[in-house]
Amino acid sequence: MSFSDTQSFLDIHTSDTMEMKDAIADYHVGAAVKVAIMLKGRLQAEFDGVPVDLDARDHPVGFIWAVPQPSKVRRYIHKGSEISKVMISAQFDWVLRQLGKSPARYREIADFFNAGISVRNWRPSRRVLALADQLIYPHATDPLMRELYEESRGLEIFAEALSAIQNGTDQMATLDKSSGPDALDRHHRAQEIRDFILASDPEQQTLPTIAAAIGISVTSMQRIFKDAYGMTVKDFIRESRLVAARDAMEKDGLTIAQAAWAAGYKSPANFATAFKRVFGITPSEARDR
């Protein structure tokens, strides 16, 4: 789970979790326009008593709604529920100011937002499914680059959600064509590839071995993974090993030489160079945290 407050107007929250117990969570939110890309699972909540049901148990779904004033939220958590989602919030006043620049053109959007809490859903395009995956599993890089990376994807998702309202059923039909069975299959295949890499031993992490385990060709695997996560399979393997090495140094006290060997580097110097390129700090700085 991660949270990111961008420097413009977006708050981005992502999660890919299984709920461990039944619970009710109460909290407050400010006035905002909210967009949710539900890749998996179901999220049920109330905003000032108005029910919101974000159901993606059959296929990924996009949702957009407005909270015109600060509200109390009650979320219902169900044990055993798997939820994979991206939640993007934009300041309500900021959105209305942008719509006010061309009030006639954006009247339908403004009317929808001013009508109170009402949820509109649409079938996200293949592009948006890929962007949502990239936000949940971001390309590891230094803090500034990661912030810009996340904000750019959040803005693109937000734009498609607004278009779904502005263009109504015509936009819905267009988006459905690019997010049909083939797109959903590619989305799930990309997740399978990622999960196999994270769960497998380093000896199994060759391209032919991974492709055979998933049941696709190496060429298809590389294309599907790059479309979903914006990086190659080899880059993901390399960075996942670096993440594991960083965690082992911070939590288990591995030396830099031990961590380098675990990440597949024969030279601690090469390991240190790759580590700093990905995390923006040296292995020594990571160990001293």
C-alpha atoms as a PDB file:
ATOM      1  CA  MET A   1       0.000   0.000   0.000  1.00  0.00           C
ATOM      2  CA  SER A   2       1.297   3.487  -0.776  1.00  0.00           C
ATOM      3  CA  PHE A   3       0.208   7.127  -0.632  1.00  0.00           C
ATOM      4  CA  SER A   4       1.462   9.983  -2.779  1.00  0.00           C
ATOM      5  CA  ASP A   5       0.609  13.705  -2.446  1.00  0.00           C
ATOM      6  CA  THR A   6       1.477  15.327  -5.756  1.00  0.00           C
ATOM      7  CA  GLN A   7       2.670  18.895  -6.090  1.00  0.00           C
ATOM      8  CA  SER A   8      -0.318  20.006  -8.182  1.00  0.00           C
ATOM      9  CA  PHE A   9      -3.775  19.048  -6.941  1.00  0.00           C
ATOM     10  CA  LEU A  10      -3.957  15.246  -6.908  1.00  0.00           C
ATOM     11  CA  ASP A  11      -3.848  12.818  -4.008  1.00  0.00           C
ATOM     12  CA  ILE A  12      -3.101   9.278  -5.192  1.00  0.00           C
ATOM     13  CA  HIS A  13      -3.722   6.215  -3.060  1.00  0.00           C
ATOM     14  CA  THR A  14      -3.022   2.688  -4.267  1.00  0.00           C
ATOM     15  CA  SER A  15      -3.490  -0.705  -2.672  1.00  0.00           C
ATOM     16  CA  ASP A  16      -3.215  -4.370  -3.569  1.00  0.00           C
ATOM     17  CA  THR A  17      -4.203  -6.168  -0.395  1.00  0.00           C
ATOM     18  CA  MET A  18      -6.346  -8.812   1.241  1.00  0.00           C
ATOM     19  CA  GLU A  19      -8.505  -7.661   4.141  1.00  0.00           C
ATOM     20  CA  MET A  20      -7.550  -9.552   7.308  1.00  0.00           C
ATOM     21  CA  LYS A  21     -10.675  -8.930   9.402  1.00  0.00           C
ATOM     22  CA  ASP A  22     -14.202  -7.566   9.352  1.00  0.00           C
ATOM     23  CA  ALA A  23     -14.225  -3.943  10.412  1.00  0.00           C
ATOM     24  CA  ILE A  24     -15.789  -0.531   9.961  1.00  0.00           C
ATOM     25  CA  ALA A  25     -13.502   2.454   9.404  1.00  0.00           C
ATOM     26  CA  ASP A  26     -14.726   6.015   9.985  1.00  0.00           C
ATOM     27  CA  TYR A  27     -12.820   9.056   8.776  1.00  0.00           C
ATOM     28  CA  HIS A  28     -13.327  12.480   7.185  1.00  0.00           C
ATOM     29  CA  VAL A  29     -12.478  13.709   3.680  1.00  0.00           C
ATOM     30  CA  GLY A  30     -12.378  17.158   2.186  1.00  0.00           C
ATOM     31  CA  ALA A  31     -14.417  18.353  -0.784  1.00  0.00           C
ATOM     32  CA  ALA A  32     -13.067  16.517  -3.811  1.00  0.00           C
ATOM     33  CA  VAL A  33     -13.708  14.845  -7.127  1.00  0.00           C
ATOM     34  CA  LYS A  34     -12.770  11.190  -6.792  1.00  0.00           C
ATOM     35  CA  VAL A  35     -11.781   8.657  -9.428  1.00  0.00           C
ATOM     36  CA  ALA A  36     -11.317   4.981  -8.618  1.00  0.00           C
ATOM     37  CA  ILE A  37      -9.880   2.346 -10.912  1.00  0.00           C
ATOM     38  CA  MET A  38     -10.917  -0.945  -9.329  1.00  0.00           C
ATOM     39  CA  LEU A  39      -8.820  -3.704 -10.827  1.00  0.00           C
ATOM     40  CA  LYS A  40     -10.090  -6.385  -8.483  1.00  0.00           C
ATOM     41  CA  GLY A  41     -12.514  -6.768  -5.600  1.00  0.00           C
ATOM     42  CA  ARG A  42     -15.290  -4.687  -4.124  1.00  0.00           C
ATOM     43  CA  LEU A  43     -15.195  -1.574  -1.942  1.00  0.00           C
ATOM     44  CA  GLN A  44     -18.310  -0.463  -0.060  1.00  0.00           C
ATOM     45  CA  ALA A  45     -18.577   2.836   1.766  1.00  0.00           C
ATOM     46  CA  GLU A  46     -20.883   5.702   2.708  1.00  0.00           C
ATOM     47  CA  PHE A  47     -20.231   9.419   2.242  1.00  0.00           C
ATOM     48  CA  ASP A  48     -22.445  11.276   4.749  1.00  0.00           C
ATOM     49  CA  GLY A  49     -24.813   8.318   4.621  1.00  0.00           C
ATOM     50  CA  VAL A  50     -24.879   8.071   0.801  1.00  0.00           C
ATOM     51  CA  PRO A  51     -23.849   4.519  -0.207  1.00  0.00           C
ATOM     52  CA  VAL A  52     -21.017   4.032  -2.704  1.00  0.00           C
ATOM     53  CA  ASP A  53     -20.472   0.528  -4.091  1.00  0.00           C
ATOM     54  CA  LEU A  54     -17.329   0.041  -6.191  1.00  0.00           C
ATOM     55  CA  ASP A  55     -17.721  -3.495  -7.512  1.00  0.00           C
ATOM     56  CA  ALA A  56     -15.036  -4.987  -9.785  1.00  0.00           C
ATOM     57  CA  ARG A  57     -15.454  -8.668  -8.975  1.00  0.00           C
ATOM     58  CA  ASP A  58     -16.265  -9.536 -12.606  1.00  0.00           C
ATOM     59  CA  HIS A  59     -13.851  -7.205 -14.415  1.00  0.00           C
ATOM     60  CA  PRO A  60     -11.955  -3.943 -13.830  1.00  0.00           C
ATOM     61  CA  VAL A  61     -14.217  -0.892 -13.583  1.00  0.00           C
ATOM     62  CA  GLY A  62     -13.649   2.859 -13.395  1.00  0.00           C
ATOM     63  CA  PHE A  63     -15.753   5.045 -11.088  1.00  0.00           C
ATOM     64  CA  ILE A  64     -16.012   8.818 -10.702  1.00  0.00           C
ATOM     65  CA  TRP A  65     -18.014  10.895  -8.261  1.00  0.00           C
ATOM     66  CA  ALA A  66     -17.881  14.213  -6.438  1.00  0.00           C
ATOM     67  CA  VAL A  67     -17.928  15.056  -2.750  1.00  0.00           C
ATOM     68  CA  PRO A  68     -19.015  18.743  -2.877  1.00  0.00           C
ATOM     69  CA  GLN A  69     -18.308  19.445   0.793  1.00  0.00           C
ATOM     70  CA  PRO A  70     -16.249  17.933   3.622  1.00  0.00           C
ATOM     71  CA  SER A  71     -17.863  14.636   4.526  1.00  0.00           C
ATOM     72  CA  LYS A  72     -17.732  11.757   6.959  1.00  0.00           C
ATOM     73  CA  VAL A  73     -16.836   8.452   5.340  1.00  0.00           C
ATOM     74  CA  ARG A  74     -17.717   5.039   6.686  1.00  0.00           C
ATOM     75  CA  ARG A  75     -15.984   2.143   4.944  1.00  0.00           C
ATOM     76  CA  TYR A  76     -17.069  -1.475   5.386  1.00  0.00           C
ATOM     77  CA  ILE A  77     -14.175  -3.962   5.427  1.00  0.00           C
ATOM     78  CA  HIS A  78     -14.859  -7.635   4.796  1.00  0.00           C
ATOM     79  CA  LYS A  79     -12.421 -10.334   5.871  1.00  0.00           C
ATOM     80  CA  GLY A  80     -10.875 -12.270   2.987  1.00  0.00           C
ATOM     81  CA  SER A  81     -11.691  -9.635   0.357  1.00  0.00           C
ATOM     82  CA  GLU A  82      -8.920  -9.036  -2.166  1.00  0.00           C
ATOM     83  CA  ILE A  83      -8.812  -5.439  -3.361  1.00  0.00           C
ATOM     84  CA  SER A  84      -6.558  -3.958  -6.004  1.00  0.00           C
ATOM     85  CA  LYS A  85      -7.312  -0.316  -6.732  1.00  0.00           C
ATOM     86  CA  VAL A  86      -6.079   3.162  -7.567  1.00  0.00           C
ATOM     87  CA  MET A  87      -7.898   6.078  -5.925  1.00  0.00           C
ATOM     88  CA  ILE A  88      -7.296   9.610  -7.213  1.00  0.00           C
ATOM     89  CA  SER A  89      -8.714  12.708  -5.526  1.00  0.00           C
ATOM     90  CA  ALA A  90      -8.705  16.224  -6.957  1.00  0.00           C
ATOM     91  CA  GLN A  91      -9.688  19.309  -4.985  1.00  0.00           C
ATOM     92  CA  PHE A  92     -13.345  20.084  -5.713  1.00  0.00           C
ATOM     93  CA  ASP A  93     -12.848  23.850  -6.082  1.00  0.00           C
ATOM     94  CA  TRP A  94      -9.889  23.322  -8.430  1.00  0.00           C
ATOM     95  CA  VAL A  95     -11.949  21.095 -10.733  1.00  0.00           C
ATOM     96  CA  LEU A  96     -14.852  23.566 -10.816  1.00  0.00           C
ATOM     97  CA  ARG A  97     -12.455  26.412 -11.642  1.00  0.00           C
ATOM     98  CA  GLN A  98     -11.112  24.454 -14.611  1.00  0.00           C
ATOM     99  CA  LEU A  99     -14.623  23.638 -15.839  1.00  0.00           C
ATOM    100  CA  GLY A 100     -15.585  27.304 -15.421  1.00  0.00           C
ATOM    101  CA  LYS A 101     -13.077  28.310 -18.095  1.00  0.00           C
ATOM    102  CA  SER A 102     -15.503  26.902 -20.705  1.00  0.00           C
ATOM    103  CA  PRO A 103     -18.852  26.622 -18.881  1.00  0.00           C
ATOM    104  CA  ALA A 104     -20.946  25.808 -21.949  1.00  0.00           C
ATOM    105  CA  ARG A 105     -18.598  23.088 -23.132  1.00  0.00           C
ATOM    106  CA  TYR A 106     -18.339  21.393 -19.745  1.00  0.00           C
ATOM    107  CA  ARG A 107     -21.888  21.987 -18.471  1.00  0.00           C
ATOM    108  CA  GLU A 108     -22.692  18.257 -18.268  1.00  0.00           C
ATOM    109  CA  ILE A 109     -19.644  17.571 -16.118  1.00  0.00           C
ATOM    110  CA  ALA A 110     -20.296  20.550 -13.833  1.00  0.00           C
ATOM    111  CA  ASP A 111     -23.969  19.604 -13.438  1.00  0.00           C
ATOM    112  CA  PHE A 112     -22.990  16.050 -12.493  1.00  0.00           C
ATOM    113  CA  PHE A 113     -20.521  17.237  -9.870  1.00  0.00           C
ATOM    114  CA  ASN A 114     -22.926  19.816  -8.414  1.00  0.00           C
ATOM    115  CA  ALA A 115     -25.783  17.314  -8.130  1.00  0.00           C
ATOM    116  CA  GLY A 116     -24.384  15.757  -4.972  1.00  0.00           C
ATOM    117  CA  ILE A 117     -22.761  12.392  -4.361  1.00  0.00           C
ATOM    118  CA  SER A 118     -23.629  10.219  -7.347  1.00  0.00           C
ATOM    119  CA  VAL A 119     -21.322   7.600  -8.834  1.00  0.00           C
ATOM    120  CA  ARG A 120     -20.795   7.200 -12.591  1.00  0.00           C
ATOM    121  CA  ASN A 121     -18.905   4.150 -13.859  1.00  0.00           C
ATOM    122  CA  TRP A 122     -17.194   3.291 -17.120  1.00  0.00           C
ATOM    123  CA  ARG A 123     -15.081   0.481 -18.547  1.00  0.00           C
ATOM    124  CA  PRO A 124     -11.471   1.727 -18.430  1.00  0.00           C
ATOM    125  CA  SER A 125      -9.424   1.613 -21.611  1.00  0.00           C
ATOM    126  CA  ARG A 126      -6.477  -0.739 -21.958  1.00  0.00           C
ATOM    127  CA  ARG A 127      -4.220   2.281 -21.553  1.00  0.00           C
ATOM    128  CA  VAL A 128      -5.774   3.216 -18.206  1.00  0.00           C
ATOM    129  CA  LEU A 129      -5.537  -0.367 -16.939  1.00  0.00           C
ATOM    130  CA  ALA A 130      -1.825  -0.258 -17.742  1.00  0.00           C
ATOM    131  CA  LEU A 131      -1.431   3.117 -16.003  1.00  0.00           C
ATOM    132  CA  ALA A 132      -3.224   1.826 -12.906  1.00  0.00           C
ATOM    133  CA  ASP A 133      -0.884  -1.168 -12.768  1.00  0.00           C
ATOM    134  CA  GLN A 134       2.106   1.167 -13.077  1.00  0.00           C
ATOM    135  CA  LEU A 135       0.845   3.226 -10.132  1.00  0.00           C
ATOM    136  CA  ILE A 136       0.341   0.156  -7.948  1.00  0.00           C
ATOM    137  CA  TYR A 137       3.766  -1.227  -8.879  1.00  0.00           C
ATOM    138  CA  PRO A 138       5.756   1.898  -9.753  1.00  0.00           C
ATOM    139  CA  HIS A 139       9.084   1.855 -11.500  1.00  0.00           C
ATOM    140  CA  ALA A 140      11.591   2.232  -8.654  1.00  0.00           C
ATOM    141  CA  THR A 141      13.608   5.444  -9.039  1.00  0.00           C
ATOM    142  CA  ASP A 142      14.689   8.485  -7.078  1.00  0.00           C
ATOM    143  CA  PRO A 143      11.953  10.388  -5.159  1.00  0.00           C
ATOM    144  CA  LEU A 144      11.548  13.280  -7.607  1.00  0.00           C
ATOM    145  CA  MET A 145      11.311  11.074 -10.683  1.00  0.00           C
ATOM    146  CA  ARG A 146       8.870   8.755  -8.933  1.00  0.00           C
ATOM    147  CA  GLU A 147       6.660  11.676  -7.906  1.00  0.00           C
ATOM    148  CA  LEU A 148       6.526  12.975 -11.478  1.00  0.00           C
ATOM    149  CA  TYR A 149       5.984   9.421 -12.780  1.00  0.00           C
ATOM    150  CA  GLU A 150       2.983   8.922 -10.491  1.00  0.00           C
ATOM    151  CA  GLU A 151       1.484  12.349 -11.110  1.00  0.00           C
ATOM    152  CA  SER A 152       1.620  12.009 -14.905  1.00  0.00           C
ATOM    153  CA  ARG A 153      -0.246   8.697 -14.762  1.00  0.00           C
ATOM    154  CA  GLY A 154      -2.784  10.021 -12.286  1.00  0.00           C
ATOM    155  CA  LEU A 155      -3.538  12.993 -14.541  1.00  0.00           C
ATOM    156  CA  GLU A 156      -4.086  10.750 -17.561  1.00  0.00           C
ATOM    157  CA  ILE A 157      -6.475   8.496 -15.641  1.00  0.00           C
ATOM    158  CA  PHE A 158      -8.340  11.543 -14.325  1.00  0.00           C
ATOM    159  CA  ALA A 159      -8.687  12.912 -17.866  1.00  0.00           C
ATOM    160  CA  GLU A 160     -10.273   9.685 -19.134  1.00  0.00           C
ATOM    161  CA  ALA A 161     -12.737   9.713 -16.253  1.00  0.00           C
ATOM    162  CA  LEU A 162     -13.837  13.263 -17.115  1.00  0.00           C
ATOM    163  CA  SER A 163     -14.167  12.288 -20.773  1.00  0.00           C
ATOM    164  CA  ALA A 164     -16.469   9.423 -19.810  1.00  0.00           C
ATOM    165  CA  ILE A 165     -18.871  11.978 -18.299  1.00  0.00           C
ATOM    166  CA  GLN A 166     -18.520  14.611 -21.006  1.00  0.00           C
ATOM    167  CA  ASN A 167     -19.060  12.254 -23.935  1.00  0.00           C
ATOM    168  CA  GLY A 168     -21.649  10.017 -22.309  1.00  0.00           C
ATOM    169  CA  THR A 169     -22.592   6.751 -23.986  1.00  0.00           C
ATOM    170  CA  ASP A 170     -20.459   7.433 -27.091  1.00  0.00           C
ATOM    171  CA  GLN A 171     -17.346   7.585 -24.939  1.00  0.00           C
ATOM    172  CA  MET A 172     -18.440   4.487 -23.029  1.00  0.00           C
ATOM    173  CA  ALA A 173     -18.739   2.544 -26.270  1.00  0.00           C
ATOM    174  CA  THR A 174     -15.325   3.702 -27.470  1.00  0.00           C
ATOM    175  CA  LEU A 175     -13.652   2.726 -24.222  1.00  0.00           C
ATOM    176  CA  ASP A 176     -15.333  -0.663 -24.168  1.00  0.00           C
ATOM    177  CA  LYS A 177     -13.713  -1.582 -27.497  1.00  0.00           C
ATOM    178  CA  SER A 178     -10.232  -1.109 -26.042  1.00  0.00           C
ATOM    179  CA  SER A 179     -10.929  -2.925 -22.778  1.00  0.00           C
ATOM    180  CA  GLY A 180     -12.633  -6.111 -23.905  1.00  0.00           C
ATOM    181  CA  PRO A 181     -11.610  -9.713 -23.254  1.00  0.00           C
ATOM    182  CA  ASP A 182      -8.238  -9.341 -24.980  1.00  0.00           C
ATOM    183  CA  ALA A 183      -7.278  -6.305 -22.890  1.00  0.00           C
ATOM    184  CA  LEU A 184      -8.406  -7.946 -19.651  1.00  0.00           C
ATOM    185  CA  ASP A 185      -6.507 -11.119 -20.496  1.00  0.00           C
ATOM    186  CA  ARG A 186      -3.348  -9.083 -21.117  1.00  0.00           C
ATOM    187  CA  HIS A 187      -3.875  -7.286 -17.804  1.00  0.00           C
ATOM    188  CA  HIS A 188      -4.179 -10.560 -15.892  1.00  0.00           C
ATOM    189  CA  ARG A 189      -1.227 -12.087 -17.753  1.00  0.00           C
ATOM    190  CA  ALA A 190       0.961  -9.136 -16.767  1.00  0.00           C
ATOM    191  CA  GLN A 191       0.007  -9.697 -13.129  1.00  0.00           C
ATOM    192  CA  GLU A 192       0.783 -13.432 -13.472  1.00  0.00           C
ATOM    193  CA  ILE A 193       4.251 -12.636 -14.810  1.00  0.00           C
ATOM    194  CA  ARG A 194       4.936 -10.213 -11.983  1.00  0.00           C
ATOM    195  CA  ASP A 195       3.650 -12.592  -9.300  1.00  0.00           C
ATOM    196  CA  PHE A 196       5.724 -15.489 -10.675  1.00  0.00           C
ATOM    197  CA  ILE A 197       8.897 -13.401 -10.578  1.00  0.00           C
ATOM    198  CA  LEU A 198       8.301 -12.231  -7.016  1.00  0.00           C
ATOM    199  CA  ALA A 199       7.523 -15.758  -5.777  1.00  0.00           C
ATOM    200  CA  SER A 200      10.234 -17.681  -7.661  1.00  0.00           C
ATOM    201  CA  ASP A 201      13.854 -18.499  -6.892  1.00  0.00           C
ATOM    202  CA  PRO A 202      16.495 -16.512  -8.804  1.00  0.00           C
ATOM    203  CA  GLU A 203      17.430 -19.662 -10.749  1.00  0.00           C
ATOM    204  CA  GLN A 204      13.910 -19.722 -12.227  1.00  0.00           C
ATOM    205  CA  GLN A 205      13.996 -16.105 -13.346  1.00  0.00           C
ATOM    206  CA  THR A 206      15.086 -16.596 -16.943  1.00  0.00           C
ATOM    207  CA  LEU A 207      12.858 -15.358 -19.736  1.00  0.00           C
ATOM    208  CA  PRO A 208      12.183 -18.838 -21.192  1.00  0.00           C
ATOM    209  CA  THR A 209      11.389 -20.282 -17.750  1.00  0.00           C
ATOM    210  CA  ILE A 210       8.983 -17.478 -16.850  1.00  0.00           C
ATOM    211  CA  ALA A 211       7.243 -17.589 -20.247  1.00  0.00           C
ATOM    212  CA  ALA A 212       6.832 -21.371 -20.023  1.00  0.00           C
ATOM    213  CA  ALA A 213       5.336 -21.086 -16.535  1.00  0.00           C
ATOM    214  CA  ILE A 214       2.797 -18.533 -17.746  1.00  0.00           C
ATOM    215  CA  GLY A 215       2.101 -20.428 -20.969  1.00  0.00           C
ATOM    216  CA  ILE A 216       3.024 -17.760 -23.519  1.00  0.00           C
ATOM    217  CA  SER A 217       5.945 -17.011 -25.799  1.00  0.00           C
ATOM    218  CA  VAL A 218       8.898 -14.932 -24.645  1.00  0.00           C
ATOM    219  CA  THR A 219       8.070 -12.253 -27.215  1.00  0.00           C
ATOM    220  CA  SER A 220       4.441 -11.980 -26.058  1.00  0.00           C
ATOM    221  CA  MET A 221       5.513 -11.962 -22.424  1.00  0.00           C
ATOM    222  CA  GLN A 222       7.931  -9.094 -22.971  1.00  0.00           C
ATOM    223  CA  ARG A 223       5.354  -7.034 -24.874  1.00  0.00           C
ATOM    224  CA  ILE A 224       2.552  -7.620 -22.348  1.00  0.00           C
ATOM    225  CA  PHE A 225       4.764  -6.801 -19.378  1.00  0.00           C
ATOM    226  CA  LYS A 226       6.199  -3.633 -20.935  1.00  0.00           C
ATOM    227  CA  ASP A 227       2.697  -2.395 -21.852  1.00  0.00           C
ATOM    228  CA  ALA A 228       1.451  -2.954 -18.288  1.00  0.00           C
ATOM    229  CA  TYR A 229       4.383  -1.769 -16.197  1.00  0.00           C
ATOM    230  CA  GLY A 230       6.431   0.453 -18.495  1.00  0.00           C
ATOM    231  CA  MET A 231       9.590  -1.594 -17.993  1.00  0.00           C
ATOM    232  CA  THR A 232      11.107  -4.783 -19.338  1.00  0.00           C
ATOM    233  CA  VAL A 233      10.916  -8.130 -17.566  1.00  0.00           C
ATOM    234  CA  LYS A 234      14.684  -8.091 -17.072  1.00  0.00           C
ATOM    235  CA  ASP A 235      14.569  -4.613 -15.538  1.00  0.00           C
ATOM    236  CA  PHE A 236      11.808  -5.721 -13.171  1.00  0.00           C
ATOM    237  CA  ILE A 237      13.802  -8.789 -12.109  1.00  0.00           C
ATOM    238  CA  ARG A 238      16.875  -6.631 -11.503  1.00  0.00           C
ATOM    239  CA  GLU A 239      14.949  -4.065  -9.474  1.00  0.00           C
ATOM    240  CA  SER A 240      12.970  -6.631  -7.476  1.00  0.00           C
ATOM    241  CA  ARG A 241      16.291  -8.182  -6.415  1.00  0.00           C
ATOM    242  CA  LEU A 242      17.590  -4.765  -5.413  1.00  0.00           C
ATOM    243  CA  VAL A 243      14.438  -4.146  -3.355  1.00  0.00           C
ATOM    244  CA  ALA A 244      14.912  -7.503  -1.603  1.00  0.00           C
ATOM    245  CA  ALA A 245      18.570  -6.684  -0.963  1.00  0.00           C
ATOM    246  CA  ARG A 246      17.684  -3.282   0.481  1.00  0.00           C
ATOM    247  CA  ASP A 247      15.085  -4.844   2.798  1.00  0.00           C
ATOM    248  CA  ALA A 248      17.580  -7.492   3.921  1.00  0.00           C
ATOM    249  CA  MET A 249      20.148  -4.834   4.809  1.00  0.00           C
ATOM    250  CA  GLU A 250      17.620  -2.674   6.664  1.00  0.00           C
ATOM    251  CA  LYS A 251      15.764  -5.454   8.498  1.00  0.00           C
ATOM    252  CA  ASP A 252      18.188  -8.377   8.745  1.00  0.00           C
ATOM    253  CA  GLY A 253      21.512  -6.554   8.951  1.00  0.00           C
ATOM    254  CA  LEU A 254      23.108  -8.070   5.833  1.00  0.00           C
ATOM    255  CA  THR A 255      26.441  -6.560   4.909  1.00  0.00           C
ATOM    256  CA  ILE A 256      26.761  -4.737   1.597  1.00  0.00           C
ATOM    257  CA  ALA A 257      28.808  -7.625   0.190  1.00  0.00           C
ATOM    258  CA  GLN A 258      26.163 -10.151   1.264  1.00  0.00           C
ATOM    259  CA  ALA A 259      23.356  -8.022  -0.175  1.00  0.00           C
ATOM    260  CA  ALA A 260      25.251  -7.607  -3.451  1.00  0.00           C
ATOM    261  CA  TRP A 261      25.667 -11.376  -3.763  1.00  0.00           C
ATOM    262  CA  ALA A 262      21.975 -11.957  -2.952  1.00  0.00           C
ATOM    263  CA  ALA A 263      20.985  -9.461  -5.667  1.00  0.00           C
ATOM    264  CA  GLY A 264      23.156 -11.265  -8.217  1.00  0.00           C
ATOM    265  CA  TYR A 265      26.092  -8.837  -8.318  1.00  0.00           C
ATOM    266  CA  LYS A 266      29.626 -10.227  -8.137  1.00  0.00           C
ATOM    267  CA  SER A 267      31.048  -6.755  -7.587  1.00  0.00           C
ATOM    268  CA  PRO A 268      29.892  -4.668  -4.560  1.00  0.00           C
ATOM    269  CA  ALA A 269      30.893  -1.564  -6.543  1.00  0.00           C
ATOM    270  CA  ASN A 270      28.516  -2.453  -9.391  1.00  0.00           C
ATOM    271  CA  PHE A 271      25.842  -3.227  -6.817  1.00  0.00           C
ATOM    272  CA  ALA A 272      26.344   0.169  -5.184  1.00  0.00           C
ATOM    273  CA  THR A 273      26.052   1.947  -8.552  1.00  0.00           C
ATOM    274  CA  ALA A 274      22.822   0.128  -9.454  1.00  0.00           C
ATOM    275  CA  PHE A 275      21.431   0.628  -5.947  1.00  0.00           C
ATOM    276  CA  LYS A 276      21.938   4.389  -5.993  1.00  0.00           C
ATOM    277  CA  ARG A 277      20.473   4.687  -9.494  1.00  0.00           C
ATOM    278  CA  VAL A 278      17.267   2.999  -8.319  1.00  0.00           C
ATOM    279  CA  PHE A 279      16.847   4.350  -4.773  1.00  0.00           C
ATOM    280  CA  GLY A 280      18.766   7.612  -4.853  1.00  0.00           C
ATOM    281  CA  ILE A 281      20.931   6.621  -1.863  1.00  0.00           C
ATOM    282  CA  THR A 282      23.964   4.396  -1.389  1.00  0.00           C
ATOM    283  CA  PRO A 283      23.790   0.923   0.230  1.00  0.00           C
ATOM    284  CA  SER A 284      25.713   2.327   3.188  1.00  0.00           C
ATOM    285  CA  GLU A 285      23.078   5.010   3.714  1.00  0.00           C
ATOM    286  CA  ALA A 286      20.336   2.375   3.508  1.00  0.00           C
ATOM    287  CA  ARG A 287      22.032   0.224   6.171  1.00  0.00           C
ATOM    288  CA  ASP A 288      22.461   3.198   8.503  1.00  0.00           C
ATOM    289  CA  ARG A 289      18.775   4.127   8.501  1.00  0.00           C
END
